[in-house]
Amino acid sequence: MKRGEKVLSFVKFEKELESAYRERLAAVKRPEETGDVFIEFAIKFLSRVNPAITKDHSDQIVFEPESEDGYRLSPQLEQILGNEVLTKSDLPAILKRMALNAAHRRKSLLSNTERTDLFRLQERPDQR
């Protein structure tokens, strides 16, 4: 973006969802559920940006916790959002923050699972 160029801001929508999103992520107990929560809230956020986006578009957002941005949108979803929203707004940064929060929660759950598994006693067949 060029200096002085107008930027569309969707922070208001992010703030409306932020508390519920953090609570849902904190309640997640399994690492694989973090992506589901991210996608659910990303759809809620995107539907506020563009009402044409619905739950039916859930399969067009991919949670990629190991990537730099943490997520990927399908070309169809990018087309619905439009080039201006994707290049001249804070939408990508907001989705990245959401994805990185989910990735952090996933990493935390994975490290806790590894520690728990390390110290968990195996059930012996004669104790059933």
Protein backbone atom coordinates (compact mmCIF):
# COMPACT_ATOMS: atom_id res chain seq x y z
CA MET A 1 0.00 0.00 0.00
CA LYS A 2 1.11 3.53 -0.72
CA ARG A 3 1.58 6.16 1.92
CA GLY A 4 -1.62 8.11 2.55
CA GLU A 5 -3.74 5.51 0.80
CA LYS A 6 -7.10 4.81 2.40
CA VAL A 7 -7.24 1.53 4.32
CA LEU A 8 -10.45 -0.33 5.06
CA SER A 9 -10.60 -1.45 8.67
CA PHE A 10 -12.50 -4.40 10.09
CA VAL A 11 -11.13 -4.20 13.64
CA LYS A 12 -14.65 -3.46 14.92
CA PHE A 13 -15.79 -6.92 13.76
CA GLU A 14 -12.68 -8.52 15.26
CA LYS A 15 -13.37 -6.90 18.63
CA GLU A 16 -16.98 -8.13 18.58
CA LEU A 17 -15.80 -11.74 18.25
CA GLU A 18 -12.52 -11.62 20.17
CA SER A 19 -13.78 -12.52 23.64
CA ALA A 20 -15.91 -15.47 22.50
CA TYR A 21 -13.06 -16.69 20.27
CA ARG A 22 -10.53 -16.68 23.10
CA GLU A 23 -12.98 -18.47 25.41
CA ARG A 24 -13.67 -21.17 22.81
CA LEU A 25 -9.96 -21.68 22.15
CA ALA A 26 -9.25 -21.92 25.87
CA ALA A 27 -11.97 -24.57 26.23
CA VAL A 28 -10.50 -26.78 23.49
CA LYS A 29 -8.99 -29.97 24.89
CA ARG A 30 -7.63 -31.65 21.74
CA PRO A 31 -5.10 -30.10 19.33
CA GLU A 32 -7.12 -31.04 16.23
CA GLU A 33 -10.10 -29.00 17.48
CA THR A 34 -8.20 -25.70 17.34
CA GLY A 35 -8.51 -25.58 13.55
CA ASP A 36 -12.27 -26.14 13.76
CA VAL A 37 -12.64 -23.22 16.19
CA PHE A 38 -10.48 -20.99 13.98
CA ILE A 39 -12.54 -21.82 10.89
CA GLU A 40 -15.83 -21.30 12.73
CA PHE A 41 -14.83 -17.85 13.95
CA ALA A 42 -13.12 -16.91 10.67
CA ILE A 43 -16.44 -17.57 8.91
CA LYS A 44 -18.29 -15.48 11.51
CA PHE A 45 -15.81 -12.66 10.94
CA LEU A 46 -15.87 -12.91 7.14
CA SER A 47 -19.68 -13.01 7.08
CA ARG A 48 -19.68 -9.64 8.86
CA VAL A 49 -17.29 -8.27 6.26
CA ASN A 50 -19.36 -9.71 3.41
CA PRO A 51 -22.82 -11.20 4.16
CA ALA A 52 -22.53 -13.41 1.04
CA ILE A 53 -20.09 -15.58 3.02
CA THR A 54 -21.90 -18.25 5.04
CA LYS A 55 -21.16 -21.46 6.93
CA ASP A 56 -21.31 -23.19 3.54
CA HIS A 57 -17.91 -21.63 2.83
CA SER A 58 -16.24 -23.35 5.81
CA ASP A 59 -14.47 -25.80 3.53
CA GLN A 60 -12.83 -22.89 1.70
CA ILE A 61 -10.71 -21.83 4.65
CA VAL A 62 -7.73 -24.00 5.56
CA PHE A 63 -6.04 -23.80 8.95
CA GLU A 64 -2.29 -24.17 8.40
CA PRO A 65 -0.64 -23.86 11.84
CA GLU A 66 2.85 -24.45 10.46
CA SER A 67 2.67 -21.74 7.78
CA GLU A 68 3.67 -18.12 8.21
CA ASP A 69 0.10 -16.78 8.00
CA GLY A 70 -1.51 -19.78 9.70
CA TYR A 71 -4.35 -20.01 7.18
CA ARG A 72 -5.21 -20.08 3.50
CA LEU A 73 -8.35 -18.94 1.66
CA SER A 74 -9.62 -20.65 -1.48
CA PRO A 75 -9.57 -18.66 -4.74
CA GLN A 76 -13.39 -18.71 -4.73
CA LEU A 77 -13.51 -17.12 -1.27
CA GLU A 78 -10.91 -14.56 -2.29
CA GLN A 79 -13.07 -13.69 -5.30
CA ILE A 80 -16.15 -13.19 -3.09
CA LEU A 81 -14.16 -10.90 -0.77
CA GLY A 82 -12.67 -8.98 -3.64
CA ASN A 83 -9.20 -7.71 -4.40
CA GLU A 84 -9.72 -4.36 -2.67
CA VAL A 85 -10.65 -5.99 0.65
CA LEU A 86 -7.71 -8.40 0.42
CA THR A 87 -5.11 -5.79 -0.50
CA LYS A 88 -6.33 -2.50 0.99
CA SER A 89 -7.67 -3.57 4.37
CA ASP A 90 -6.60 -5.05 7.66
CA LEU A 91 -8.58 -8.25 6.97
CA PRO A 92 -5.51 -10.43 6.21
CA ALA A 93 -3.78 -9.21 9.38
CA ILE A 94 -6.86 -9.95 11.49
CA LEU A 95 -7.20 -13.47 10.08
CA LYS A 96 -3.48 -14.01 10.65
CA ARG A 97 -3.82 -12.96 14.31
CA MET A 98 -6.75 -15.33 14.75
CA ALA A 99 -4.88 -18.20 13.09
CA LEU A 100 -1.73 -17.59 15.13
CA ASN A 101 -3.77 -17.63 18.36
CA ALA A 102 -5.21 -21.00 17.33
CA ALA A 103 -1.76 -22.28 16.33
CA HIS A 104 -0.36 -21.22 19.71
CA ARG A 105 -3.18 -23.05 21.53
CA ARG A 106 -2.58 -26.13 19.36
CA LYS A 107 1.15 -26.07 20.14
CA SER A 108 0.40 -25.76 23.85
CA LEU A 109 -1.99 -28.71 23.76
CA LEU A 110 0.51 -30.82 21.81
CA SER A 111 3.30 -30.15 24.30
CA ASN A 112 0.99 -30.96 27.23
CA THR A 113 -0.11 -34.19 25.55
CA GLU A 114 3.50 -35.25 25.00
CA ARG A 115 4.37 -34.62 28.64
CA THR A 116 1.25 -36.40 29.87
CA ASP A 117 1.87 -39.41 27.64
CA LEU A 118 5.44 -39.62 28.83
CA PHE A 119 4.41 -40.01 32.45
CA ARG A 120 1.15 -41.91 32.01
CA LEU A 121 1.32 -45.44 33.38
CA GLN A 122 0.40 -48.09 30.90
CA GLU A 123 -2.51 -50.26 31.91
CA ARG A 124 -1.38 -53.82 32.42
CA PRO A 125 -3.60 -56.57 31.00
CA ASP A 126 -3.88 -58.33 34.38
CA GLN A 127 -5.38 -55.20 36.02
CA ARG A 128 -8.54 -55.12 33.91
